[in-house]
Amino acid sequence: MAEAASLLGCTPTYVRRLCRTGALPAQRITGGWVIEAAALDQYRHGRPPDGKPRPAPPP
């Protein structure tokens, strides 16, 4: 969590929330989360897991 949070520029608590809600694809294993590097990279660069760009935020 700390490493992912550092890369995303947020807190580990926020990364856990992203994982729980499915916004950041991850697997819960033995009391922790495993985030694949590709999923983290896609999230960092604004691409959801399906590879399509996210819609622009409203003005």
C-alpha atoms as a PDB file:
ATOM      1  CA  MET A   1       0.000   0.000   0.000  1.00  0.00           C
ATOM      2  CA  ALA A   2       2.753   2.456   0.880  1.00  0.00           C
ATOM      3  CA  GLU A   3       4.517   1.941  -2.447  1.00  0.00           C
ATOM      4  CA  ALA A   4       1.293   2.257  -4.461  1.00  0.00           C
ATOM      5  CA  ALA A   5       0.302   5.346  -2.473  1.00  0.00           C
ATOM      6  CA  SER A   6       3.683   6.922  -3.136  1.00  0.00           C
ATOM      7  CA  LEU A   7       3.367   6.298  -6.873  1.00  0.00           C
ATOM      8  CA  LEU A   8      -0.175   7.668  -6.955  1.00  0.00           C
ATOM      9  CA  GLY A   9       0.578  10.635  -4.687  1.00  0.00           C
ATOM     10  CA  CYS A  10      -2.053   9.738  -2.104  1.00  0.00           C
ATOM     11  CA  THR A  11      -2.390   7.944   1.235  1.00  0.00           C
ATOM     12  CA  PRO A  12      -2.373   4.161   1.773  1.00  0.00           C
ATOM     13  CA  THR A  13      -5.909   4.488   3.165  1.00  0.00           C
ATOM     14  CA  TYR A  14      -7.079   5.939  -0.142  1.00  0.00           C
ATOM     15  CA  VAL A  15      -5.371   3.136  -2.094  1.00  0.00           C
ATOM     16  CA  ARG A  16      -7.158   0.559   0.091  1.00  0.00           C
ATOM     17  CA  ARG A  17     -10.452   2.302  -0.663  1.00  0.00           C
ATOM     18  CA  LEU A  18      -9.709   2.185  -4.398  1.00  0.00           C
ATOM     19  CA  CYS A  19      -9.033  -1.550  -4.091  1.00  0.00           C
ATOM     20  CA  ARG A  20     -12.173  -2.236  -2.035  1.00  0.00           C
ATOM     21  CA  THR A  21     -14.413  -0.378  -4.481  1.00  0.00           C
ATOM     22  CA  GLY A  22     -12.836  -1.966  -7.546  1.00  0.00           C
ATOM     23  CA  ALA A  23     -11.584   1.339  -8.946  1.00  0.00           C
ATOM     24  CA  LEU A  24      -8.071  -0.108  -8.762  1.00  0.00           C
ATOM     25  CA  PRO A  25      -8.026  -3.811  -9.673  1.00  0.00           C
ATOM     26  CA  ALA A  26      -6.439  -5.813  -6.854  1.00  0.00           C
ATOM     27  CA  GLN A  27      -6.751  -9.104  -4.999  1.00  0.00           C
ATOM     28  CA  ARG A  28      -7.121  -9.495  -1.264  1.00  0.00           C
ATOM     29  CA  ILE A  29      -4.707 -12.151  -0.048  1.00  0.00           C
ATOM     30  CA  THR A  30      -4.019 -13.087   3.586  1.00  0.00           C
ATOM     31  CA  GLY A  31      -5.081  -9.778   5.104  1.00  0.00           C
ATOM     32  CA  GLY A  32      -3.362  -7.603   2.499  1.00  0.00           C
ATOM     33  CA  TRP A  33      -3.835  -6.426  -1.043  1.00  0.00           C
ATOM     34  CA  VAL A  34      -1.902  -7.419  -4.139  1.00  0.00           C
ATOM     35  CA  ILE A  35      -1.953  -4.885  -6.956  1.00  0.00           C
ATOM     36  CA  GLU A  36      -0.472  -5.909 -10.292  1.00  0.00           C
ATOM     37  CA  ALA A  37       2.031  -3.430 -11.681  1.00  0.00           C
ATOM     38  CA  ALA A  38       0.109  -3.194 -14.978  1.00  0.00           C
ATOM     39  CA  ALA A  39      -3.143  -2.324 -13.165  1.00  0.00           C
ATOM     40  CA  LEU A  40      -1.384   0.355 -11.121  1.00  0.00           C
ATOM     41  CA  ASP A  41       0.246   1.766 -14.244  1.00  0.00           C
ATOM     42  CA  GLN A  42      -3.087   1.862 -16.082  1.00  0.00           C
ATOM     43  CA  TYR A  43      -4.719   3.649 -13.162  1.00  0.00           C
ATOM     44  CA  ARG A  44      -1.848   6.157 -12.905  1.00  0.00           C
ATOM     45  CA  HIS A  45      -2.133   7.046 -16.578  1.00  0.00           C
ATOM     46  CA  GLY A  46      -5.905   7.386 -16.587  1.00  0.00           C
ATOM     47  CA  ARG A  47      -6.791   4.160 -18.351  1.00  0.00           C
ATOM     48  CA  PRO A  48      -9.309   1.793 -16.775  1.00  0.00           C
ATOM     49  CA  PRO A  49      -8.643  -1.984 -16.861  1.00  0.00           C
ATOM     50  CA  ASP A  50     -10.450  -2.355 -20.199  1.00  0.00           C
ATOM     51  CA  GLY A  51      -7.848  -0.067 -21.817  1.00  0.00           C
ATOM     52  CA  LYS A  52     -10.339   2.583 -22.952  1.00  0.00           C
ATOM     53  CA  PRO A  53      -9.605   6.182 -21.923  1.00  0.00           C
ATOM     54  CA  ARG A  54     -11.656   7.594 -19.061  1.00  0.00           C
ATOM     55  CA  PRO A  55     -14.171  10.293 -19.977  1.00  0.00           C
ATOM     56  CA  ALA A  56     -13.056  13.856 -19.403  1.00  0.00           C
ATOM     57  CA  PRO A  57     -14.282  15.438 -16.160  1.00  0.00           C
ATOM     58  CA  PRO A  58     -17.226  17.829 -16.500  1.00  0.00           C
ATOM     59  CA  PRO A  59     -16.306  21.492 -17.002  1.00  0.00           C
END
